[in-house]
C-alpha atoms as a PDB file:
ATOM      1  CA  PRO A   1     -12.726  -7.068  -4.761  1.00  0.00           C
ATOM      2  CA  THR A   2     -14.031  -4.438  -7.227  1.00  0.00           C
ATOM      3  CA  MET A   3     -10.337  -2.824  -6.384  1.00  0.00           C
ATOM      4  CA  TRP A   4      -7.190  -3.357  -5.317  1.00  0.00           C
ATOM      5  CA  PRO A   5      -3.787  -1.199  -4.463  1.00  0.00           C
ATOM      6  CA  ARG A   6      -1.043  -0.946  -6.983  1.00  0.00           C
ATOM      7  CA  GLY A   7       1.727  -3.878  -5.802  1.00  0.00           C
ATOM      8  CA  ILE A   8      -0.658  -6.324  -4.599  1.00  0.00           C
ATOM      9  CA  PRO A   9       0.649  -9.624  -5.978  1.00  0.00           C
ATOM     10  CA  LEU A  10      -2.009 -10.810  -9.014  1.00  0.00           C
ATOM     11  CA  GLU A  11      -2.397 -14.198  -7.390  1.00  0.00           C
ATOM     12  CA  ASP A  12      -4.019 -11.938  -4.145  1.00  0.00           C
ATOM     13  CA  ILE A  13      -6.046  -9.778  -5.751  1.00  0.00           C
ATOM     14  CA  LYS A  14      -9.225 -11.987  -4.989  1.00  0.00           C
ATOM     15  CA  ARG A  15      -8.059 -12.999  -1.449  1.00  0.00           C
ATOM     16  CA  LYS A  16     -10.199 -11.548   1.757  1.00  0.00           C
ATOM     17  CA  ILE A  17      -7.463 -10.046   3.780  1.00  0.00           C
ATOM     18  CA  PRO A  18      -7.778  -9.882   7.618  1.00  0.00           C
ATOM     19  CA  PHE A  19      -7.392  -6.316   9.457  1.00  0.00           C
ATOM     20  CA  HIS A  20      -7.351  -5.016  13.015  1.00  0.00           C
ATOM     21  CA  ASP A  21      -9.970  -1.957  13.566  1.00  0.00           C
ATOM     22  CA  VAL A  22      -7.315   0.410  15.278  1.00  0.00           C
ATOM     23  CA  ALA A  23      -9.898   2.107  17.433  1.00  0.00           C
ATOM     24  CA  LYS A  24     -11.409  -1.041  18.838  1.00  0.00           C
ATOM     25  CA  SER A  25      -7.963  -2.469  19.315  1.00  0.00           C
ATOM     26  CA  THR A  26      -7.742  -3.714  23.020  1.00  0.00           C
ATOM     27  CA  ASN A  27      -3.912  -3.941  22.612  1.00  0.00           C
ATOM     28  CA  PRO A  28      -2.282  -0.524  21.955  1.00  0.00           C
ATOM     29  CA  LEU A  29      -0.867  -1.008  18.758  1.00  0.00           C
ATOM     30  CA  ARG A  30       2.659   1.313  17.933  1.00  0.00           C
ATOM     31  CA  ILE A  31       2.115   2.835  14.499  1.00  0.00           C
ATOM     32  CA  PRO A  32       4.713   4.691  13.347  1.00  0.00           C
ATOM     33  CA  ILE A  33       4.002   4.765   9.643  1.00  0.00           C
ATOM     34  CA  GLN A  34       0.228   5.681   8.600  1.00  0.00           C
ATOM     35  CA  GLN A  35      -0.920   5.966   4.958  1.00  0.00           C
ATOM     36  CA  ALA A  36      -4.219   7.814   4.454  1.00  0.00           C
ATOM     37  CA  LEU A  37      -6.419   7.267   1.425  1.00  0.00           C
ATOM     38  CA  ALA A  38      -6.888   9.638  -1.919  1.00  0.00           C
ATOM     39  CA  ASP A  39     -10.226  10.031  -3.318  1.00  0.00           C
ATOM     40  CA  HIS A  40     -10.902  10.377  -6.900  1.00  0.00           C
ATOM     41  CA  ASP A  41      -7.815   8.947  -8.427  1.00  0.00           C
ATOM     42  CA  PRO A  42      -6.608   6.355  -6.021  1.00  0.00           C
ATOM     43  CA  ASP A  43      -2.897   4.669  -6.135  1.00  0.00           C
ATOM     44  CA  VAL A  44      -4.129   1.734  -8.013  1.00  0.00           C
ATOM     45  CA  ASP A  45      -1.954  -0.175 -10.624  1.00  0.00           C
ATOM     46  CA  ALA A  46      -2.178   0.101 -14.796  1.00  0.00           C
ATOM     47  CA  MET A  47      -3.931  -3.018 -14.708  1.00  0.00           C
ATOM     48  CA  PHE A  48      -6.684  -1.628 -12.940  1.00  0.00           C
ATOM     49  CA  ARG A  49      -6.609   1.654 -14.888  1.00  0.00           C
ATOM     50  CA  LEU A  50      -6.850  -0.455 -18.036  1.00  0.00           C
ATOM     51  CA  THR A  51     -10.050  -2.518 -16.947  1.00  0.00           C
ATOM     52  CA  ARG A  52     -12.124  -0.219 -14.678  1.00  0.00           C
ATOM     53  CA  SER A  53     -13.415   3.266 -14.296  1.00  0.00           C
ATOM     54  CA  LEU A  54     -12.378   6.058 -12.354  1.00  0.00           C
ATOM     55  CA  PRO A  55     -12.974   7.729 -10.187  1.00  0.00           C
ATOM     56  CA  ILE A  56     -13.532   6.206  -6.822  1.00  0.00           C
ATOM     57  CA  TYR A  57     -14.294   7.811  -3.374  1.00  0.00           C
ATOM     58  CA  PHE A  58     -13.773   6.101  -0.046  1.00  0.00           C
ATOM     59  CA  ASP A  59     -15.559   6.440   3.130  1.00  0.00           C
ATOM     60  CA  ARG A  60     -14.472   9.493   4.900  1.00  0.00           C
ATOM     61  CA  ALA A  61     -15.915   8.440   8.301  1.00  0.00           C
ATOM     62  CA  ALA A  62     -14.107   4.834   8.224  1.00  0.00           C
ATOM     63  CA  ARG A  63     -12.226   3.526  11.133  1.00  0.00           C
ATOM     64  CA  PRO A  64      -8.154   3.369  10.509  1.00  0.00           C
ATOM     65  CA  VAL A  65      -7.322  -0.308  10.264  1.00  0.00           C
ATOM     66  CA  ALA A  66      -4.187  -2.221  10.570  1.00  0.00           C
ATOM     67  CA  PHE A  67      -2.783  -5.869   9.380  1.00  0.00           C
ATOM     68  CA  PRO A  68      -1.885  -8.584  11.487  1.00  0.00           C
ATOM     69  CA  GLU A  69       1.661  -9.881  11.535  1.00  0.00           C
ATOM     70  CA  GLY A  70       2.007 -11.798   8.407  1.00  0.00           C
ATOM     71  CA  THR A  71      -0.227 -10.087   6.326  1.00  0.00           C
ATOM     72  CA  PHE A  72       1.120  -7.516   3.828  1.00  0.00           C
ATOM     73  CA  SER A  73      -0.497  -4.584   2.125  1.00  0.00           C
ATOM     74  CA  PRO A  74       1.025  -2.248  -0.411  1.00  0.00           C
ATOM     75  CA  THR A  75       1.639   1.087   0.710  1.00  0.00           C
ATOM     76  CA  ASN A  76       3.316   3.948  -1.548  1.00  0.00           C
ATOM     77  CA  SER A  77       4.730   7.183  -0.919  1.00  0.00           C
ATOM     78  CA  GLN A  78       1.747   9.383  -1.421  1.00  0.00           C
ATOM     79  CA  ASN A  79      -0.113  10.812   1.399  1.00  0.00           C
ATOM     80  CA  THR A  80       1.817   8.794   3.868  1.00  0.00           C
ATOM     81  CA  LEU A  81       2.675  10.405   7.474  1.00  0.00           C
ATOM     82  CA  VAL A  82       6.332   8.808   9.112  1.00  0.00           C
ATOM     83  CA  HIS A  83       6.915   9.530  12.734  1.00  0.00           C
ATOM     84  CA  LYS A  84      10.453  10.344  13.444  1.00  0.00           C
ATOM     85  CA  SER A  85      11.349   7.151  15.081  1.00  0.00           C
ATOM     86  CA  ALA A  86      10.547   5.644  11.337  1.00  0.00           C
ATOM     87  CA  PHE A  87      12.364   7.929   9.249  1.00  0.00           C
ATOM     88  CA  TRP A  88      14.501   4.862   8.381  1.00  0.00           C
ATOM     89  CA  SER A  89      11.969   3.851   6.667  1.00  0.00           C
ATOM     90  CA  THR A  90      11.998   6.330   4.328  1.00  0.00           C
ATOM     91  CA  LEU A  91      14.801   5.383   1.913  1.00  0.00           C
ATOM     92  CA  LEU A  92      14.015   3.947  -1.443  1.00  0.00           C
ATOM     93  CA  PRO A  93      15.533   1.116  -3.353  1.00  0.00           C
ATOM     94  CA  VAL A  94      17.192   2.294  -6.526  1.00  0.00           C
ATOM     95  CA  THR A  95      17.526  -0.881  -8.953  1.00  0.00           C
ATOM     96  CA  VAL A  96      13.993  -1.060  -9.823  1.00  0.00           C
ATOM     97  CA  SER A  97      11.488   1.218 -11.644  1.00  0.00           C
ATOM     98  CA  PRO A  98       9.992   4.364 -10.168  1.00  0.00           C
ATOM     99  CA  ARG A  99       6.171   2.279 -10.329  1.00  0.00           C
ATOM    100  CA  VAL A 100       7.932  -0.518  -7.956  1.00  0.00           C
ATOM    101  CA  THR A 101      10.452   1.247  -5.411  1.00  0.00           C
ATOM    102  CA  ASP A 102       8.185   2.605  -2.757  1.00  0.00           C
ATOM    103  CA  ILE A 103       5.729  -0.549  -2.907  1.00  0.00           C
ATOM    104  CA  TRP A 104       8.918  -2.561  -2.083  1.00  0.00           C
ATOM    105  CA  ARG A 105      10.342  -0.489   0.457  1.00  0.00           C
ATOM    106  CA  GLY A 106       6.692  -0.413   1.923  1.00  0.00           C
ATOM    107  CA  PHE A 107       6.622  -4.241   2.146  1.00  0.00           C
ATOM    108  CA  TRP A 108      10.164  -4.508   3.695  1.00  0.00           C
ATOM    109  CA  ASN A 109       9.279  -1.889   6.176  1.00  0.00           C
ATOM    110  CA  GLN A 110       6.245  -3.704   7.403  1.00  0.00           C
ATOM    111  CA  ARG A 111       8.592  -6.876   7.786  1.00  0.00           C
ATOM    112  CA  ILE A 112      10.815  -4.562   9.683  1.00  0.00           C
ATOM    113  CA  LEU A 113       7.670  -3.148  11.809  1.00  0.00           C
ATOM    114  CA  TRP A 114       6.834  -6.511  13.178  1.00  0.00           C
ATOM    115  CA  ASP A 115      10.104  -7.073  14.216  1.00  0.00           C
ATOM    116  CA  MET A 116      10.032  -4.116  16.263  1.00  0.00           C
ATOM    117  CA  GLY A 117       6.609  -4.800  17.082  1.00  0.00           C
ATOM    118  CA  GLY A 118       4.963  -2.015  15.389  1.00  0.00           C
ATOM    119  CA  ARG A 119       2.775  -1.627  12.702  1.00  0.00           C
ATOM    120  CA  LEU A 120       1.762   0.070   9.465  1.00  0.00           C
ATOM    121  CA  ALA A 121      -2.229   1.689   9.730  1.00  0.00           C
ATOM    122  CA  PHE A 122      -4.404   2.908   6.889  1.00  0.00           C
ATOM    123  CA  LEU A 123      -6.573   5.732   7.499  1.00  0.00           C
ATOM    124  CA  PRO A 124      -9.622   7.080   5.483  1.00  0.00           C
ATOM    125  CA  PRO A 125      -9.355   9.624   2.578  1.00  0.00           C
ATOM    126  CA  THR A 126      -7.751  12.783   3.512  1.00  0.00           C
ATOM    127  CA  VAL A 127      -6.738  14.497  -0.013  1.00  0.00           C
ATOM    128  CA  PHE A 128      -8.374  14.497  -3.313  1.00  0.00           C
ATOM    129  CA  THR A 129      -5.892  13.598  -6.148  1.00  0.00           C
ATOM    130  CA  GLU A 130      -5.992  14.723  -9.379  1.00  0.00           C
ATOM    131  CA  ARG A 131      -3.017  12.925 -11.836  1.00  0.00           C
ATOM    132  CA  THR A 132      -1.246  14.163 -14.810  1.00  0.00           C
ATOM    133  CA  PRO A 133      -2.153  12.164 -18.153  1.00  0.00           C
ATOM    134  CA  GLN A 134      -0.081   9.030 -17.931  1.00  0.00           C
ATOM    135  CA  SER A 135       0.066   6.222 -20.395  1.00  0.00           C
ATOM    136  CA  TYR A 136      -1.329   3.426 -18.690  1.00  0.00           C
ATOM    137  CA  MET A 137       0.276   1.297 -21.484  1.00  0.00           C
ATOM    138  CA  SER A 138       3.822   2.675 -20.189  1.00  0.00           C
ATOM    139  CA  ASN A 139       2.837   2.259 -16.520  1.00  0.00           C
ATOM    140  CA  PHE A 140       1.992  -1.606 -17.025  1.00  0.00           C
ATOM    141  CA  ARG A 141       5.668  -2.006 -18.481  1.00  0.00           C
ATOM    142  CA  ALA A 142       6.983  -0.348 -15.438  1.00  0.00           C
ATOM    143  CA  GLU A 143       5.064  -2.195 -13.324  1.00  0.00           C
ATOM    144  CA  VAL A 144       5.691  -5.840 -14.796  1.00  0.00           C
ATOM    145  CA  GLN A 145       8.091  -6.706 -11.750  1.00  0.00           C
ATOM    146  CA  LEU A 146       5.465  -5.861  -9.477  1.00  0.00           C
ATOM    147  CA  TYR A 147       3.166  -8.261 -11.184  1.00  0.00           C
ATOM    148  CA  GLU A 148       5.452 -11.077 -11.517  1.00  0.00           C
ATOM    149  CA  GLN A 149       7.904 -10.879  -8.472  1.00  0.00           C
ATOM    150  CA  SER A 150       6.075  -9.459  -5.317  1.00  0.00           C
ATOM    151  CA  GLY A 151       4.640 -12.797  -4.430  1.00  0.00           C
ATOM    152  CA  ALA A 152       7.869 -14.421  -3.972  1.00  0.00           C
ATOM    153  CA  MET A 153       9.157 -11.573  -2.524  1.00  0.00           C
ATOM    154  CA  LEU A 154       6.327 -11.610   0.152  1.00  0.00           C
ATOM    155  CA  ARG A 155       7.110 -15.248   0.686  1.00  0.00           C
ATOM    156  CA  PHE A 156      10.610 -14.522   1.208  1.00  0.00           C
ATOM    157  CA  LEU A 157       9.662 -11.571   3.853  1.00  0.00           C
ATOM    158  CA  ARG A 158       7.430 -14.044   5.862  1.00  0.00           C
END
């Protein structure tokens, strides 16, 4: 792919990930957590920012998608709607860096949602993001745990 979200295991960057078109689904899905994309400066990892160009714009007419059980996709705290039935999912791990905490929470949330018969959905962009200046190298160092350990975490959660 030409881009990937912050938190995807590096070994999965080139893998094609299956998804369900929520609007075309014949079985209604319970979707208590919905993350919309962000135009201009989306939540990509430092490796992407160091090797690719921004801004990025998504198709605002795209349909929502949900991934099948067993397929993880990183989600974060930005532009995310959480229904009151899933408020339990807003707790953040405190033993990892801020660049890791929301991503790993999202992986755990997806696993718990599957056990509850639910899914996480991704929606077209609804916001335009302009970030404050950041050191991409500092972000990279804070994301090393994502790069090195997310794959093992996902194997454990499957």
